[in-house]
């Protein structure tokens, strides 16, 4: 029906007769001459209709925004002084010969060029929202990213293999979405949180190199970079160690940024241990563009009279840390109060600070309500250790280590944006040497920091059993600008080690056999050393398009309550469907 896309036309097409199809973006009547901006996924083209062609002029006069039309015309130069340098088609226009209305449109609830539409309206009329230039570009870039990822992995000998969507619940750290079985009443499938076990089975099967761009499902609370269903690039390999896998995937990400964005990332990507990341940044997803760092000052606070500091300084699993903010003296009391309220959501009971007006004047050059509790030598050592300059401000955190890390780590990130401290455009970093386990104080048991199939960095089963808290895993995460793009590990390939890890996690032998018997059996039939990584495709596209939310790079996303406003899903099932599944609903209790 057309010879070209609208956005493809330029001065090389001058004097050519062409046919275009698309949506009327805007209609203008200038003194008897009608201008139509015609839009398709490639861009805009300006069509001119004059009264000399009476039939087409009348039709052009009747069209409105979002009508779908087809036009025939001739490409010509725009008159002098009317060139639009903001458009790729800005040097040309099309003299319209004929016009056909393919479909009319009601007045849309969303103006295509309005950037201030409420999210609920956008999601309810998503098919119109997707017509916006930004959304078109985002989804086109997403398609290009997927194409480049596939090309890279295909060239490296990886096989694209699908794994089941209807499977069995596995411990991935979130709730499963369950699917009732009609043929086996009372039993349920689980939608996969990841293809973890199946890709390990593919390695046992000798497939050697596997990848899949796969949908995953997690029934968890949502946020800007999380959805109940999401897409990940899943990778697994045999006979490669963690350095081989991280080097391979680093090459892939480096090439992706070069081909899609024409950006050269720093190479090689820096590596940082989990412990260093937590000590310096309070997070295992640090944005290393931000120069602010947490500095331990607990040893200086052990003997001070101020119990807020000396208490945590003398307790296990507690921390006293300082955060020096260059130029922070300019912060008003209200701004400091706002930051205090901000850290309270992470469990911090307050936010102590010292303003350094003149570092050479000793105590007289400082301003803080906590100074009276700190001896001169402690103050002097704090100033020296934090390398504070005139005009700086020091924030303090003192509490359980997790609370201090969460509070000051988040404050560090917020200050980085608020004060425009971020130095570089792109800053990748590998986080390595994660603890194998973390202890759940509420449930009094060990939990996997990643998942139960991650290998420890030792083959000595007894040493892992003896000191779970000291065990280090062979895991690795790739973080870019404070966003975790991907994470993976070398997997356990020994059946006895896998049994020991499950036992440490409080999974008894009977339960382990019931849930993971098929995997444990498979490990005993010649399982090769193997490992892999998974990249969140939605997060990667969000980062590369500089979008604020992954909803801006997913065609049909869900809301914060995991619902689809477009289709009104989830919805109730009919009585007949429930009867076929053997399900009876109980009425919710009244308030």
Protein backbone atom coordinates (compact mmCIF):
# COMPACT_ATOMS: atom_id res chain seq x y z
CA UNK A 1 0.00 0.00 0.00
CA UNK A 2 3.02 2.33 0.29
CA UNK A 3 6.36 2.90 -1.38
CA UNK A 4 8.16 4.44 1.60
CA UNK A 5 7.94 5.07 5.34
CA UNK A 6 7.31 8.72 6.22
CA UNK A 7 10.50 9.19 8.21
CA UNK A 8 12.70 7.71 5.46
CA UNK A 9 12.18 10.55 2.97
CA UNK A 10 14.89 13.12 2.35
CA UNK A 11 16.29 15.34 -0.43
CA UNK A 12 17.47 12.29 -2.40
CA UNK A 13 13.80 11.56 -3.16
CA UNK A 14 13.13 14.95 -4.79
CA UNK A 15 10.76 14.70 -7.80
CA UNK A 16 9.82 11.11 -7.03
CA UNK A 17 6.17 10.13 -6.88
CA UNK A 18 5.54 8.21 -3.67
CA UNK A 19 2.77 6.61 -1.65
CA UNK A 20 2.59 6.90 2.14
CA UNK A 21 0.34 5.44 4.85
CA UNK A 22 0.04 6.52 8.44
CA UNK A 23 -1.72 8.57 11.10
CA UNK A 24 -2.53 12.27 10.86
CA UNK A 25 -0.35 13.81 13.53
CA UNK A 26 -1.48 17.38 12.95
CA UNK A 27 -3.63 19.28 10.45
CA UNK A 28 -3.09 22.97 9.64
CA UNK A 29 -5.01 25.30 7.31
CA UNK A 30 -2.83 28.16 6.08
CA UNK A 31 -4.77 30.54 3.88
CA UNK A 32 -6.45 27.97 1.71
CA UNK A 33 -3.53 25.52 1.70
CA UNK A 34 -3.86 22.47 3.95
CA UNK A 35 -0.81 20.94 5.63
CA UNK A 36 -0.95 17.44 7.07
CA UNK A 37 1.85 16.00 9.22
CA UNK A 38 1.68 12.26 8.50
CA UNK A 39 3.22 9.93 11.07
CA UNK A 40 4.36 6.32 11.07
CA UNK A 41 6.92 4.46 13.16
CA UNK A 42 9.81 5.94 11.12
CA UNK A 43 8.86 9.58 11.70
CA UNK A 44 6.91 12.50 10.23
CA UNK A 45 6.41 13.81 6.70
CA UNK A 46 4.68 17.05 5.72
CA UNK A 47 1.99 16.77 3.04
CA UNK A 48 0.65 19.84 1.22
CA UNK A 49 -2.78 19.95 -0.44
CA UNK A 50 -3.82 22.98 -2.49
CA UNK A 51 -7.25 23.88 -3.94
CA UNK A 52 -6.11 23.04 -7.49
CA UNK A 53 -6.96 19.39 -6.78
CA UNK A 54 -10.47 19.99 -5.51
CA UNK A 55 -11.41 16.38 -4.70
CA UNK A 56 -8.34 15.61 -2.61
CA UNK A 57 -8.46 19.08 -1.04
CA UNK A 58 -11.99 18.48 0.27
CA UNK A 59 -10.98 15.13 1.76
CA UNK A 60 -7.83 16.64 3.32
CA UNK A 61 -9.99 19.38 4.82
CA UNK A 62 -12.17 16.75 6.53
CA UNK A 63 -9.46 14.67 8.22
CA UNK A 64 -8.58 15.11 11.89
CA UNK A 65 -5.84 13.97 14.24
CA UNK A 66 -5.24 10.20 14.34
CA UNK A 67 -7.22 9.48 11.16
CA UNK A 68 -5.49 6.69 9.23
CA UNK A 69 -4.89 7.76 5.65
CA UNK A 70 -3.05 6.88 2.46
CA UNK A 71 -1.67 9.63 0.22
CA UNK A 72 -0.05 9.79 -3.19
CA UNK A 73 2.15 12.73 -4.05
CA UNK A 74 5.45 14.12 -5.30
CA UNK A 75 8.48 14.94 -3.15
CA UNK A 76 9.76 18.51 -3.45
CA UNK A 77 12.00 20.96 -1.60
CA UNK A 78 10.41 22.99 1.14
CA UNK A 79 10.19 26.71 0.32
CA UNK A 80 13.12 28.81 1.54
CA UNK A 81 12.77 29.73 5.18
CA UNK A 82 10.49 26.80 6.07
CA UNK A 83 13.13 24.08 6.55
CA UNK A 84 12.73 22.25 9.88
CA UNK A 85 16.16 21.11 11.09
CA UNK A 86 14.56 19.16 13.96
CA UNK A 87 13.11 16.60 11.55
CA UNK A 88 15.04 14.14 9.38
CA UNK A 89 12.45 14.97 6.70
CA UNK A 90 12.71 18.70 7.41
CA UNK A 91 14.17 19.66 4.02
CA UNK A 92 11.34 18.22 1.97
CA UNK A 93 7.58 18.09 1.72
CA UNK A 94 5.13 16.13 -0.43
CA UNK A 95 2.73 17.82 -2.80
CA UNK A 96 -0.42 15.75 -2.33
CA UNK A 97 -2.11 14.34 -5.44
CA UNK A 98 -4.67 12.04 -3.84
CA UNK A 99 -5.80 11.07 -0.35
CA UNK A 100 -7.78 8.10 0.93
CA UNK A 101 -9.22 7.83 4.43
CA UNK A 102 -8.56 4.25 5.57
CA UNK A 103 -10.15 4.74 8.97
CA UNK A 104 -11.50 7.58 11.06
CA UNK A 105 -10.65 8.18 14.72
CA UNK A 106 -12.59 9.51 17.66
CA UNK A 107 -10.92 12.29 19.62
CA UNK A 108 -8.20 10.36 21.48
CA UNK A 109 -7.98 10.55 25.29
CA UNK A 110 -4.24 11.17 24.94
CA UNK A 111 -2.65 13.91 22.87
CA UNK A 112 0.33 12.28 21.18
CA UNK A 113 2.66 15.20 21.87
CA UNK A 114 1.50 15.73 25.49
CA UNK A 115 4.23 14.55 27.89
CA UNK A 116 2.17 15.21 31.03
CA UNK A 117 -0.48 12.51 30.91
CA UNK A 118 -1.27 10.51 34.07
CA UNK A 119 0.19 7.00 34.06
CA UNK A 120 -3.22 5.38 34.58
CA UNK A 121 -4.53 7.01 31.39
CA UNK A 122 -1.42 5.96 29.49
CA UNK A 123 -1.77 2.34 30.58
CA UNK A 124 -5.54 2.19 29.98
CA UNK A 125 -5.04 3.45 26.40
CA UNK A 126 -1.62 1.92 25.92
CA UNK A 127 -2.11 1.37 22.17
CA UNK A 128 -2.40 5.16 21.80
CA UNK A 129 0.41 5.92 24.24
CA UNK A 130 2.66 3.63 22.17
CA UNK A 131 2.16 5.94 19.18
CA UNK A 132 4.24 8.58 20.93
CA UNK A 133 7.65 9.16 19.38
CA UNK A 134 9.46 8.34 22.64
CA UNK A 135 7.71 4.99 23.05
CA UNK A 136 8.25 4.13 19.38
CA UNK A 137 11.97 4.84 19.74
CA UNK A 138 12.24 2.88 22.99
CA UNK A 139 10.66 -0.27 21.54
CA UNK A 140 12.66 0.03 18.32
CA UNK A 141 15.86 0.29 20.37
CA UNK A 142 14.74 -2.70 22.46
CA UNK A 143 14.34 -4.73 19.27
CA UNK A 144 17.80 -3.67 18.12
CA UNK A 145 19.31 -4.63 21.49
CA UNK A 146 17.76 -8.11 21.31
CA UNK A 147 19.03 -8.53 17.74
CA UNK A 148 22.60 -7.63 18.75
CA UNK A 149 22.55 -9.91 21.80
CA UNK A 150 21.33 -12.84 19.72
CA UNK A 151 23.94 -12.17 17.03
CA UNK A 152 26.76 -12.09 19.58
CA UNK A 153 25.73 -15.33 21.29
CA UNK A 154 25.03 -17.11 18.00
CA UNK A 155 28.55 -16.20 16.83
CA UNK A 156 29.98 -17.58 20.09
CA UNK A 157 28.38 -21.00 19.54
CA UNK A 158 25.43 -20.68 21.93
CA UNK A 159 22.21 -22.58 21.23
CA UNK A 160 18.84 -20.87 21.64
CA UNK A 161 16.78 -23.43 23.58
CA UNK A 162 13.33 -22.94 25.12
CA UNK A 163 12.48 -24.20 28.60
CA UNK A 164 9.01 -24.88 30.08
CA UNK A 165 6.63 -22.18 31.27
CA UNK A 166 4.54 -24.64 33.30
CA UNK A 167 6.92 -26.05 35.88
CA UNK A 168 7.48 -26.67 39.59
CA UNK A 169 7.96 -24.15 42.37
CA UNK A 170 11.62 -23.50 43.28
CA UNK A 171 13.12 -21.23 45.97
CA UNK A 172 14.13 -18.08 44.07
CA UNK A 173 13.39 -15.56 46.81
CA UNK A 174 9.89 -14.45 45.73
CA UNK A 175 6.37 -15.87 45.64
CA UNK A 176 5.43 -18.07 42.71
CA UNK A 177 2.52 -17.52 40.39
CA UNK A 178 0.56 -20.76 40.57
CA UNK A 179 -1.48 -22.38 37.78
CA UNK A 180 -4.07 -24.98 38.86
CA UNK A 181 -4.06 -28.29 36.99
CA UNK A 182 -7.43 -29.44 35.59
CA UNK A 183 -6.20 -32.95 34.82
CA UNK A 184 -4.64 -33.41 38.26
CA UNK A 185 -7.07 -31.75 40.69
CA UNK A 186 -5.47 -30.20 43.75
CA UNK A 187 -2.06 -29.89 42.08
CA UNK A 188 -0.49 -26.75 40.70
CA UNK A 189 2.12 -25.70 38.18
CA UNK A 190 4.30 -22.70 38.97
CA UNK A 191 5.29 -20.11 36.38
CA UNK A 192 9.11 -19.94 36.37
CA UNK A 193 10.90 -17.26 38.36
CA UNK A 194 13.85 -18.19 36.15
CA UNK A 195 14.86 -21.21 34.03
CA UNK A 196 17.61 -21.98 36.57
CA UNK A 197 17.19 -25.73 36.99
CA UNK A 198 16.35 -26.42 33.37
CA UNK A 199 19.43 -24.65 32.08
CA UNK A 200 21.56 -26.66 34.49
CA UNK A 201 19.92 -29.82 33.17
CA UNK A 202 20.80 -28.69 29.64
CA UNK A 203 24.46 -28.55 30.68
CA UNK A 204 24.18 -32.07 32.12
CA UNK A 205 22.64 -33.03 28.76
CA UNK A 206 25.81 -31.86 26.98
CA UNK A 207 24.38 -28.77 25.22
CA UNK A 208 27.55 -26.92 26.33
CA UNK A 209 26.36 -23.37 25.58
CA UNK A 210 22.75 -22.28 25.99
CA UNK A 211 20.91 -18.99 25.88
CA UNK A 212 17.31 -17.89 25.89
CA UNK A 213 15.44 -14.60 25.91
CA UNK A 214 12.79 -15.75 28.33
CA UNK A 215 9.78 -14.51 30.26
CA UNK A 216 9.98 -14.91 34.06
CA UNK A 217 7.35 -14.37 36.73
CA UNK A 218 7.61 -13.25 40.36
CA UNK A 219 4.69 -12.39 42.61
CA UNK A 220 6.36 -9.61 44.59
CA UNK A 221 5.84 -5.96 45.45
CA UNK A 222 6.58 -3.71 42.50
CA UNK A 223 8.77 -0.65 41.96
CA UNK A 224 10.19 1.39 39.08
CA UNK A 225 12.56 -1.36 37.89
CA UNK A 226 10.38 -4.39 38.72
CA UNK A 227 7.35 -6.06 37.10
CA UNK A 228 5.43 -9.27 37.90
CA UNK A 229 6.44 -10.62 34.49
CA UNK A 230 9.74 -9.61 33.00
CA UNK A 231 12.22 -10.64 30.34
CA UNK A 232 15.78 -11.78 30.89
CA UNK A 233 18.65 -12.91 28.73
CA UNK A 234 19.54 -16.27 30.25
CA UNK A 235 22.97 -17.80 29.63
CA UNK A 236 24.62 -21.05 30.78
CA UNK A 237 27.94 -22.63 29.80
CA UNK A 238 29.98 -25.75 30.55
CA UNK A 239 33.72 -25.97 31.24
CA UNK A 240 34.14 -22.22 31.83
CA UNK A 241 35.11 -20.63 35.16
CA UNK A 242 33.86 -17.34 36.55
CA UNK A 243 36.61 -15.30 34.89
CA UNK A 244 35.79 -16.87 31.52
CA UNK A 245 32.07 -16.12 31.91
CA UNK A 246 32.49 -12.55 33.13
CA UNK A 247 35.01 -11.82 30.36
CA UNK A 248 32.64 -13.24 27.73
CA UNK A 249 29.63 -11.28 28.95
CA UNK A 250 31.71 -8.14 29.42
CA UNK A 251 32.68 -8.41 25.76
CA UNK A 252 28.98 -8.79 24.91
CA UNK A 253 27.90 -5.69 26.87
CA UNK A 254 30.82 -3.66 25.54
CA UNK A 255 29.91 -4.57 21.95
CA UNK A 256 26.21 -3.92 22.61
CA UNK A 257 26.84 -0.35 23.78
CA UNK A 258 29.18 0.27 20.86
CA UNK A 259 26.79 -1.01 18.19
CA UNK A 260 23.53 0.37 19.59
CA UNK A 261 24.61 3.66 21.21
CA UNK A 262 28.07 4.16 19.66
CA UNK A 263 29.50 4.34 23.19
CA UNK A 264 32.82 2.88 24.27
CA UNK A 265 32.62 1.61 27.82
CA UNK A 266 35.71 1.61 30.06
CA UNK A 267 37.64 -1.62 29.59
CA UNK A 268 38.18 -3.84 31.44
CA UNK A 269 35.28 -3.34 33.81
CA UNK A 270 36.57 -2.78 37.36
CA UNK A 271 36.00 -5.55 39.93
CA UNK A 272 35.12 -5.07 43.56
CA UNK A 273 34.43 -7.53 46.33
CA UNK A 274 31.05 -7.57 48.01
CA UNK A 275 32.64 -6.60 51.32
CA UNK A 276 34.47 -3.63 49.81
CA UNK A 277 31.28 -2.43 48.13
CA UNK A 278 29.34 -2.60 51.40
CA UNK A 279 32.11 -0.88 53.36
CA UNK A 280 32.62 1.95 50.86
CA UNK A 281 29.14 2.43 49.47
CA UNK A 282 26.70 0.62 51.78
CA UNK A 283 25.35 -1.29 48.80
CA UNK A 284 26.23 -4.24 46.59
CA UNK A 285 24.85 -2.21 43.66
CA UNK A 286 27.04 0.89 43.94
CA UNK A 287 26.88 3.75 41.48
CA UNK A 288 30.60 4.37 41.22
CA UNK A 289 30.03 7.59 39.26
CA UNK A 290 29.26 9.07 42.68
CA UNK A 291 32.46 10.15 44.52
CA UNK A 292 30.88 10.00 48.00
CA UNK A 293 32.01 7.10 50.19
CA UNK A 294 31.16 5.76 53.63
CA UNK A 295 34.10 5.91 56.03
CA UNK A 296 34.31 3.76 59.16
CA UNK A 297 34.82 5.78 62.33
CA UNK A 298 33.64 3.20 64.87
CA UNK A 299 37.11 2.76 66.37
CA UNK A 300 37.17 6.50 67.18
CA UNK A 301 33.81 6.33 68.97
CA UNK A 302 34.32 3.42 71.38
CA UNK A 303 35.13 5.55 74.44
CA UNK A 304 33.04 8.67 73.82
CA UNK A 305 30.25 9.52 76.28
CA UNK A 306 27.72 9.82 73.45
CA UNK A 307 25.93 6.43 73.66
CA UNK A 308 24.36 6.92 70.22
CA UNK A 309 27.90 6.42 68.83
CA UNK A 310 29.70 4.41 71.51
CA UNK A 311 26.90 1.83 71.74
CA UNK A 312 27.11 0.60 68.13
CA UNK A 313 30.90 1.10 68.14
CA UNK A 314 31.21 -1.60 70.82
CA UNK A 315 28.60 -4.04 69.49
CA UNK A 316 28.96 -6.87 67.02
CA UNK A 317 27.17 -6.55 63.70
CA UNK A 318 26.97 -2.78 64.21
CA UNK A 319 28.67 0.12 62.52
CA UNK A 320 29.47 3.81 62.92
CA UNK A 321 30.17 5.45 59.55
CA UNK A 322 30.69 8.97 58.24
CA UNK A 323 29.75 10.44 54.88
CA UNK A 324 31.64 13.58 53.88
CA UNK A 325 29.62 15.83 51.54
CA UNK A 326 31.79 18.38 49.68
CA UNK A 327 30.19 21.83 49.88
CA UNK A 328 27.54 20.43 52.21
CA UNK A 329 27.63 23.51 54.45
CA UNK A 330 25.32 25.13 51.91
CA UNK A 331 22.54 22.72 52.92
CA UNK A 332 19.81 24.47 54.89
CA UNK A 333 18.37 23.16 58.14
CA UNK A 334 15.18 22.24 56.27
CA UNK A 335 17.17 20.24 53.71
CA UNK A 336 19.00 18.41 56.49
CA UNK A 337 15.66 17.69 58.18
CA UNK A 338 14.35 16.34 54.87
CA UNK A 339 17.36 14.03 54.58
CA UNK A 340 16.79 12.93 58.17
CA UNK A 341 13.22 11.99 57.31
CA UNK A 342 14.49 10.22 54.20
CA UNK A 343 16.90 7.91 56.08
CA UNK A 344 14.24 7.11 58.67
CA UNK A 345 12.44 4.91 56.13
CA UNK A 346 15.50 2.62 56.24
CA UNK A 347 15.34 2.26 60.01
CA UNK A 348 17.73 5.08 60.97
CA UNK A 349 16.72 6.79 64.22
CA UNK A 350 18.30 10.10 63.21
CA UNK A 351 21.01 11.75 61.14
CA UNK A 352 23.81 13.41 63.10
CA UNK A 353 26.01 15.91 61.25
CA UNK A 354 28.91 18.33 61.57
CA UNK A 355 29.23 21.42 59.40
CA UNK A 356 32.87 22.37 58.77
CA UNK A 357 33.01 26.13 58.24
CA UNK A 358 36.76 26.51 58.89
CA UNK A 359 38.87 23.39 59.30
CA UNK A 360 41.84 25.39 60.67
CA UNK A 361 39.91 26.90 63.60
CA UNK A 362 39.39 23.67 65.51
CA UNK A 363 36.13 23.33 67.38
CA UNK A 364 35.31 27.01 66.76
CA UNK A 365 35.15 26.40 63.03
CA UNK A 366 32.59 23.62 63.39
CA UNK A 367 28.83 23.68 63.78
CA UNK A 368 26.84 20.75 65.17
CA UNK A 369 24.51 19.81 68.03
CA UNK A 370 26.66 16.71 68.76
CA UNK A 371 30.02 18.50 69.18
CA UNK A 372 29.58 18.83 72.96
CA UNK A 373 29.60 15.02 73.22
CA UNK A 374 32.85 14.51 71.30
CA UNK A 375 36.39 15.11 72.70
CA UNK A 376 38.77 17.31 70.72
CA UNK A 377 41.02 14.42 69.67
CA UNK A 378 38.05 12.46 68.31
CA UNK A 379 36.84 15.47 66.32
CA UNK A 380 40.35 16.04 64.97
CA UNK A 381 40.68 12.39 63.90
CA UNK A 382 37.26 12.45 62.22
CA UNK A 383 38.24 15.55 60.20
CA UNK A 384 41.53 13.95 59.17
CA UNK A 385 40.07 10.54 58.28
CA UNK A 386 37.23 11.97 56.20
CA UNK A 387 39.61 14.46 54.51
CA UNK A 388 37.14 17.23 55.16
CA UNK A 389 37.71 20.67 53.63
CA UNK A 390 36.23 24.09 54.41
CA UNK A 391 32.54 24.17 53.48
CA UNK A 392 32.03 20.41 53.77
CA UNK A 393 29.43 18.62 55.87
CA UNK A 394 29.78 15.22 57.53
CA UNK A 395 26.75 13.00 58.04
CA UNK A 396 26.93 10.10 60.51
CA UNK A 397 25.17 6.75 60.77
CA UNK A 398 25.33 4.59 63.91
CA UNK A 399 23.26 1.43 64.31
CA UNK A 400 23.12 -2.17 63.18
CA UNK A 401 25.35 -2.63 60.14
CA UNK A 402 22.42 -3.30 57.81
CA UNK A 403 20.56 -0.19 58.93
CA UNK A 404 23.64 2.01 58.56
CA UNK A 405 24.43 0.57 55.13
CA UNK A 406 20.86 0.91 53.90
CA UNK A 407 20.41 4.42 55.29
CA UNK A 408 23.77 6.01 54.41
CA UNK A 409 24.05 4.04 51.16
CA UNK A 410 20.68 5.38 50.01
CA UNK A 411 21.51 8.87 51.28
CA UNK A 412 24.76 8.75 49.34
CA UNK A 413 22.85 7.92 46.17
CA UNK A 414 20.27 10.66 46.75
CA UNK A 415 22.93 13.29 47.49
CA UNK A 416 24.75 12.30 44.32
CA UNK A 417 21.71 13.23 42.23
CA UNK A 418 20.56 16.20 44.32
CA UNK A 419 24.00 17.86 44.30
CA UNK A 420 24.95 16.86 40.72
CA UNK A 421 27.99 14.91 41.87
CA UNK A 422 27.90 12.12 39.25
CA UNK A 423 31.11 12.25 37.23
CA UNK A 424 30.76 9.91 34.26
CA UNK A 425 27.97 8.89 31.91
CA UNK A 426 28.50 5.12 32.21
CA UNK A 427 30.23 3.25 35.01
CA UNK A 428 30.10 -0.58 34.97
CA UNK A 429 31.54 -2.64 37.82
CA UNK A 430 31.64 -6.35 38.64
CA UNK A 431 30.77 -7.22 42.24
CA UNK A 432 32.38 -10.53 43.24
CA UNK A 433 33.18 -12.67 46.31
CA UNK A 434 29.66 -12.64 47.73
CA UNK A 435 28.93 -14.44 50.99
CA UNK A 436 27.41 -17.84 50.31
CA UNK A 437 24.73 -17.42 53.00
CA UNK A 438 23.07 -14.75 55.11
CA UNK A 439 21.41 -15.39 58.45
CA UNK A 440 17.70 -14.72 58.91
CA UNK A 441 17.41 -13.58 62.54
CA UNK A 442 13.62 -13.71 62.51
CA UNK A 443 13.43 -17.31 61.31
CA UNK A 444 16.73 -18.34 62.93
CA UNK A 445 18.11 -20.03 59.84
CA UNK A 446 20.58 -19.59 56.99
CA UNK A 447 19.40 -18.37 53.56
CA UNK A 448 21.19 -18.30 50.21
CA UNK A 449 22.35 -14.84 49.27
CA UNK A 450 21.77 -15.72 45.61
CA UNK A 451 20.15 -19.14 45.23
CA UNK A 452 20.77 -22.67 46.60
CA UNK A 453 22.54 -23.85 43.42
CA UNK A 454 25.44 -21.38 43.67
CA UNK A 455 28.80 -23.04 44.26
CA UNK A 456 31.05 -22.14 47.21
CA UNK A 457 34.65 -21.28 46.39
CA UNK A 458 35.81 -24.53 47.95
CA UNK A 459 35.27 -28.25 47.34
CA UNK A 460 35.57 -28.92 51.08
CA UNK A 461 32.01 -29.72 52.14
CA UNK A 462 32.91 -29.94 55.82
CA UNK A 463 34.38 -26.43 55.93
CA UNK A 464 31.14 -25.03 54.48
CA UNK A 465 29.08 -26.92 57.06
CA UNK A 466 31.35 -25.82 59.90
CA UNK A 467 31.29 -22.09 59.06
CA UNK A 468 28.37 -21.15 56.76
CA UNK A 469 28.76 -17.46 57.60
CA UNK A 470 32.35 -17.48 56.38
CA UNK A 471 31.68 -19.32 53.12
CA UNK A 472 32.29 -17.28 49.97
CA UNK A 473 30.37 -18.07 46.79
CA UNK A 474 31.53 -18.10 43.19
CA UNK A 475 28.90 -15.50 42.28
CA UNK A 476 29.22 -12.27 40.30
CA UNK A 477 26.89 -9.35 39.53
CA UNK A 478 27.30 -6.71 36.84
CA UNK A 479 26.23 -3.28 38.06
CA UNK A 480 25.92 -0.22 35.83
CA UNK A 481 25.21 3.25 37.25
CA UNK A 482 23.81 1.73 40.43
CA UNK A 483 21.52 -0.71 38.60
CA UNK A 484 22.10 -4.46 38.70
CA UNK A 485 22.01 -5.46 35.03
CA UNK A 486 22.83 -9.10 35.53
CA UNK A 487 23.92 -11.69 38.01
CA UNK A 488 25.22 -15.22 37.88
CA UNK A 489 27.49 -17.81 39.39
CA UNK A 490 29.34 -21.04 38.96
CA UNK A 491 26.84 -23.75 39.94
CA UNK A 492 27.19 -26.73 42.23
CA UNK A 493 27.91 -29.73 40.00
CA UNK A 494 28.50 -32.28 42.78
CA UNK A 495 25.45 -34.10 44.18
CA UNK A 496 26.89 -34.36 47.70
CA UNK A 497 27.72 -30.66 47.88
CA UNK A 498 24.21 -29.83 46.67
CA UNK A 499 22.67 -32.02 49.37
CA UNK A 500 24.86 -30.35 52.01
CA UNK A 501 23.84 -26.85 50.92
CA UNK A 502 20.15 -27.73 50.96
CA UNK A 503 20.58 -29.22 54.42
CA UNK A 504 22.28 -26.03 55.67
CA UNK A 505 19.27 -24.08 54.40
CA UNK A 506 17.00 -26.15 56.60
CA UNK A 507 15.60 -28.23 53.76
CA UNK A 508 15.28 -31.75 55.13
CA UNK A 509 16.21 -34.79 53.04
CA UNK A 510 12.60 -35.74 52.35
CA UNK A 511 11.69 -32.20 51.25
CA UNK A 512 14.89 -31.91 49.22
CA UNK A 513 14.10 -35.14 47.40
CA UNK A 514 10.52 -34.04 46.78
CA UNK A 515 11.48 -30.60 45.42
CA UNK A 516 14.89 -31.21 43.87
CA UNK A 517 15.26 -34.95 43.55
CA UNK A 518 15.35 -34.73 39.76
CA UNK A 519 18.28 -32.27 39.93
CA UNK A 520 20.23 -34.23 42.55
CA UNK A 521 19.79 -37.40 40.52
CA UNK A 522 20.93 -35.59 37.37
CA UNK A 523 24.07 -34.27 39.12
CA UNK A 524 25.11 -37.88 39.81
CA UNK A 525 25.07 -38.80 36.10
CA UNK A 526 28.23 -37.05 34.92
CA UNK A 527 27.49 -33.37 35.43
CA UNK A 528 30.17 -31.05 33.99
CA UNK A 529 31.43 -27.96 35.81
CA UNK A 530 29.14 -25.20 34.63
CA UNK A 531 27.93 -21.68 35.32
CA UNK A 532 26.04 -18.82 33.80
CA UNK A 533 24.49 -15.43 34.13
CA UNK A 534 21.14 -13.74 33.50
CA UNK A 535 20.67 -10.15 32.39
CA UNK A 536 17.45 -8.24 33.01
CA UNK A 537 16.55 -7.17 29.49
CA UNK A 538 13.97 -4.62 30.68
CA UNK A 539 16.47 -2.99 33.04
CA UNK A 540 19.16 -2.97 30.35
CA UNK A 541 16.86 -1.24 27.86
CA UNK A 542 15.69 1.17 30.58
CA UNK A 543 19.30 2.11 31.25
CA UNK A 544 20.29 2.44 27.60
CA UNK A 545 17.26 4.61 26.78
CA UNK A 546 17.77 6.64 29.99
CA UNK A 547 14.16 5.96 30.95
CA UNK A 548 12.91 6.45 34.49
CA UNK A 549 10.89 3.23 34.65
CA UNK A 550 10.90 -0.16 32.94
CA UNK A 551 7.24 0.54 32.08
CA UNK A 552 8.63 2.92 29.46
CA UNK A 553 10.42 0.08 27.64
CA UNK A 554 7.77 -2.67 27.91
CA UNK A 555 4.94 -2.71 25.39
CA UNK A 556 2.19 -3.71 27.82
CA UNK A 557 3.36 -3.37 31.44
CA UNK A 558 1.45 -3.85 34.69
CA UNK A 559 0.68 -1.24 37.35
CA UNK A 560 2.09 -1.05 40.88
CA UNK A 561 -0.70 -3.42 41.95
CA UNK A 562 0.24 -5.97 39.25
CA UNK A 563 -2.86 -5.28 37.18
CA UNK A 564 -3.36 -4.50 33.49
CA UNK A 565 -5.55 -1.43 33.05
CA UNK A 566 -5.85 -2.08 29.33
CA UNK A 567 -7.46 -5.53 29.61
CA UNK A 568 -8.70 -5.28 33.23
CA UNK A 569 -6.61 -8.30 34.23
CA UNK A 570 -6.56 -10.09 36.58
CA UNK A 571 -10.27 -10.87 36.39
CA UNK A 572 -12.67 -13.31 38.02
CA UNK A 573 -13.16 -16.80 36.57
CA UNK A 574 -16.54 -18.29 35.72
CA UNK A 575 -18.18 -20.81 38.02
CA UNK A 576 -17.79 -23.46 35.32
CA UNK A 577 -14.04 -22.86 35.04
CA UNK A 578 -13.59 -23.06 38.80
CA UNK A 579 -15.62 -26.27 38.98
CA UNK A 580 -13.46 -27.84 36.25
CA UNK A 581 -10.38 -26.98 38.31
CA UNK A 582 -11.88 -28.21 41.57
CA UNK A 583 -11.55 -24.76 43.12
CA UNK A 584 -14.02 -23.20 45.55
CA UNK A 585 -13.56 -19.58 46.54
CA UNK A 586 -14.09 -18.43 50.11
CA UNK A 587 -15.72 -15.07 50.68
CA UNK A 588 -13.31 -12.41 51.96
CA UNK A 589 -13.81 -11.41 55.57
CA UNK A 590 -15.52 -8.05 56.05
CA UNK A 591 -13.56 -5.21 57.68
